Amino acid sequence: MELSEKYPEEYFNHWIAMLSTMNNDLTESGIKEQIENYKNFEGEQEFSELQLELKTIIDNGDLNDFVEVANNHGLEKIQTKDLINMAELIMAE
């Protein structure tokens, strides 16, 4: 099943797309800055939806599949460890 079918709202896909345009680095401070940007652009409610979708992605073991999504958005340097770090920071917010 395609990721877009499993996660039709595509909140995490949108997060990754925004990350690719914002030029934030993948450090803790860069991800925290991206979290604030996401909240400012999309709002707290959508951020909560992102967190819920991300929990489902993790529970389903699909996080690694988003490496390809990141690559497709021009983030060739993203690896699974980066997505895990992002997910932890997003979920802790």
Protein backbone atom coordinates (compact mmCIF):
# COMPACT_ATOMS: atom_id res chain seq x y z
CA MET A 1 0.00 0.00 0.00
CA GLU A 2 1.28 3.45 -0.91
CA LEU A 3 2.09 5.91 1.88
CA SER A 4 -0.47 8.35 0.48
CA GLU A 5 -3.14 5.66 0.87
CA LYS A 6 -2.08 4.79 4.43
CA TYR A 7 -1.76 8.43 5.45
CA PRO A 8 -4.14 10.34 3.16
CA GLU A 9 -3.86 13.63 5.04
CA GLU A 10 -0.08 13.55 4.39
CA TYR A 11 0.87 15.70 7.38
CA PHE A 12 4.37 14.21 7.65
CA ASN A 13 4.85 14.43 3.90
CA HIS A 14 3.89 18.12 4.15
CA TRP A 15 6.32 18.56 7.08
CA ILE A 16 9.11 17.13 4.93
CA ALA A 17 8.14 19.33 1.97
CA MET A 18 8.24 22.43 4.19
CA LEU A 19 11.58 21.35 5.64
CA SER A 20 13.01 21.13 2.14
CA THR A 21 12.08 24.76 1.44
CA MET A 22 13.07 26.30 4.77
CA ASN A 23 16.78 25.44 4.69
CA ASN A 24 16.83 24.40 8.34
CA ASP A 25 19.58 21.98 9.22
CA LEU A 26 18.94 18.60 10.80
CA THR A 27 20.34 19.51 14.21
CA GLU A 28 18.12 19.71 17.28
CA SER A 29 17.99 23.50 17.04
CA GLY A 30 17.20 23.35 13.31
CA ILE A 31 14.34 20.92 13.86
CA LYS A 32 12.98 22.99 16.75
CA GLU A 33 13.07 26.05 14.50
CA GLN A 34 11.18 24.05 11.86
CA ILE A 35 8.58 23.06 14.47
CA GLU A 36 7.98 26.73 15.23
CA ASN A 37 7.78 27.56 11.53
CA TYR A 38 5.30 24.74 10.98
CA LYS A 39 3.11 25.95 13.86
CA ASN A 40 3.27 29.54 12.60
CA PHE A 41 2.32 28.60 9.03
CA GLU A 42 -0.08 25.73 9.66
CA GLY A 43 -1.35 26.33 13.21
CA GLU A 44 -1.41 24.37 16.44
CA GLN A 45 -4.30 22.13 15.36
CA GLU A 46 -2.50 20.91 12.26
CA PHE A 47 0.66 20.37 14.33
CA SER A 48 -1.41 18.17 16.65
CA GLU A 49 -2.64 16.25 13.61
CA LEU A 50 0.98 15.86 12.48
CA GLN A 51 1.85 14.41 15.87
CA LEU A 52 -1.06 11.94 15.71
CA GLU A 53 -0.14 10.85 12.20
CA LEU A 54 3.51 10.52 13.16
CA LYS A 55 2.58 8.28 16.09
CA THR A 56 0.67 6.04 13.69
CA ILE A 57 3.60 6.03 11.25
CA ILE A 58 5.93 4.94 14.04
CA ASP A 59 3.49 2.35 15.39
CA ASN A 60 3.14 0.90 11.88
CA GLY A 61 6.92 0.79 11.39
CA ASP A 62 6.72 3.06 8.34
CA LEU A 63 9.11 5.82 9.39
CA ASN A 64 11.97 4.47 7.26
CA ASP A 65 9.72 4.65 4.17
CA PHE A 66 9.77 8.43 4.46
CA VAL A 67 13.48 8.54 3.58
CA GLU A 68 12.38 8.20 -0.05
CA VAL A 69 9.81 10.97 0.44
CA ALA A 70 12.58 13.22 1.75
CA ASN A 71 14.82 12.30 -1.17
CA ASN A 72 12.01 13.15 -3.59
CA HIS A 73 11.79 16.60 -2.00
CA GLY A 74 15.50 17.17 -2.57
CA LEU A 75 16.69 16.17 0.90
CA GLU A 76 19.13 13.52 -0.27
CA LYS A 77 21.15 13.65 2.95
CA ILE A 78 18.27 12.52 5.20
CA GLN A 79 18.67 9.09 6.70
CA THR A 80 16.48 7.02 9.00
CA LYS A 81 18.37 8.31 12.05
CA ASP A 82 17.44 11.87 11.03
CA LEU A 83 13.76 10.93 10.76
CA ILE A 84 13.90 9.27 14.18
CA ASN A 85 15.41 12.42 15.67
CA MET A 86 12.76 14.58 13.96
CA ALA A 87 9.98 12.32 15.16
CA GLU A 88 11.24 12.39 18.74
CA LEU A 89 11.42 16.19 18.74
CA ILE A 90 7.99 16.58 17.13
CA MET A 91 6.41 14.12 19.55
CA ALA A 92 8.05 15.79 22.57
CA GLU A 93 6.62 19.20 21.66
